[in-house]
Amino acid sequence: MDLKVGMLWYDDARDRSLADKIARAANYYRIKYGQAPSVCYVAASLAAALPAHTNGLSIKGAPNILPDHFWLGVAWNHE
């Protein structure tokens, strides 16, 4: 994973699309931390339903992220 520290967002609203949930989380992140996140991890089972990139945000699936949870942050370059 290229994210060491981030913000965990929970949204179980059934009336919002997955893309909308991520957009809302990214907007909150921008307001709270003063910069846009570059990566969002979602449950591995949901990753296939999303584009790999949207609005400058890389979307990745991870087996340790639960459904309705989103882990956002700025990617860490470990090179």
Protein backbone atom coordinates (compact mmCIF):
# COMPACT_ATOMS: atom_id res chain seq x y z
CA MET A 1 0.00 0.00 0.00
CA ASP A 2 1.23 3.46 -0.79
CA LEU A 3 -0.71 5.13 2.03
CA LYS A 4 0.73 5.17 5.55
CA VAL A 5 -1.50 7.80 7.19
CA GLY A 6 -4.94 8.80 6.06
CA MET A 7 -8.52 9.56 6.96
CA LEU A 8 -11.04 6.77 7.38
CA TRP A 9 -14.51 7.71 6.15
CA TYR A 10 -17.68 5.73 6.75
CA ASP A 11 -20.80 6.20 4.64
CA ASP A 12 -23.55 3.58 4.58
CA ALA A 13 -26.21 5.76 2.92
CA ARG A 14 -28.10 3.53 0.49
CA ASP A 15 -29.39 6.49 -1.51
CA ARG A 16 -25.87 7.57 -2.61
CA SER A 17 -23.75 5.95 -5.27
CA LEU A 18 -20.28 4.66 -4.48
CA ALA A 19 -18.76 7.43 -6.60
CA ASP A 20 -20.77 10.06 -4.71
CA LYS A 21 -19.65 8.66 -1.36
CA ILE A 22 -16.01 8.89 -2.44
CA ALA A 23 -16.49 12.42 -3.78
CA ARG A 24 -18.05 13.53 -0.48
CA ALA A 25 -15.18 11.97 1.48
CA ALA A 26 -12.58 13.60 -0.76
CA ASN A 27 -14.28 16.99 -0.40
CA TYR A 28 -14.30 16.68 3.40
CA TYR A 29 -10.61 15.68 3.31
CA ARG A 30 -9.77 18.80 1.25
CA ILE A 31 -11.60 21.04 3.71
CA LYS A 32 -10.15 19.41 6.82
CA TYR A 33 -6.51 19.01 5.70
CA GLY A 34 -6.15 21.81 3.15
CA GLN A 35 -5.09 19.57 0.28
CA ALA A 36 -6.72 17.03 -1.96
CA PRO A 37 -6.20 13.34 -1.32
CA SER A 38 -4.45 11.42 -4.08
CA VAL A 39 -5.59 7.89 -3.25
CA CYS A 40 -8.72 6.23 -1.88
CA TYR A 41 -8.80 2.61 -0.76
CA VAL A 42 -12.12 0.78 -0.87
CA ALA A 43 -13.17 -2.80 -0.11
CA ALA A 44 -11.55 -5.12 -2.64
CA SER A 45 -14.96 -6.47 -3.63
CA LEU A 46 -16.08 -2.97 -4.69
CA ALA A 47 -12.97 -1.85 -6.56
CA ALA A 48 -13.98 -3.50 -9.84
CA ALA A 49 -17.17 -1.41 -9.94
CA LEU A 50 -15.18 1.84 -9.93
CA PRO A 51 -12.83 3.50 -12.41
CA ALA A 52 -9.14 3.33 -11.46
CA HIS A 53 -8.97 7.15 -11.42
CA THR A 54 -11.58 9.81 -10.91
CA ASN A 55 -11.14 13.56 -10.41
CA GLY A 56 -7.40 13.18 -9.72
CA LEU A 57 -8.01 10.45 -7.17
CA SER A 58 -6.58 6.96 -7.60
CA ILE A 59 -9.10 4.31 -6.49
CA LYS A 60 -7.66 1.04 -5.19
CA GLY A 61 -9.13 -2.06 -3.62
CA ALA A 62 -7.73 -3.53 -0.41
CA PRO A 63 -8.73 -6.69 1.44
CA ASN A 64 -8.52 -4.98 4.85
CA ILE A 65 -11.05 -2.22 4.05
CA LEU A 66 -14.64 -3.00 5.02
CA PRO A 67 -17.64 -2.19 2.81
CA ASP A 68 -18.92 1.37 3.30
CA HIS A 69 -15.46 2.46 4.52
CA PHE A 70 -13.04 4.62 2.53
CA TRP A 71 -9.42 5.28 3.44
CA LEU A 72 -8.19 8.50 1.84
CA GLY A 73 -4.87 10.29 1.92
CA VAL A 74 -1.83 11.40 -0.02
CA ALA A 75 0.17 8.56 -1.53
CA TRP A 76 3.54 7.96 0.05
CA ASN A 77 6.45 7.62 -2.37
CA HIS A 78 8.87 5.20 -0.75
CA GLU A 79 11.52 5.28 -3.46
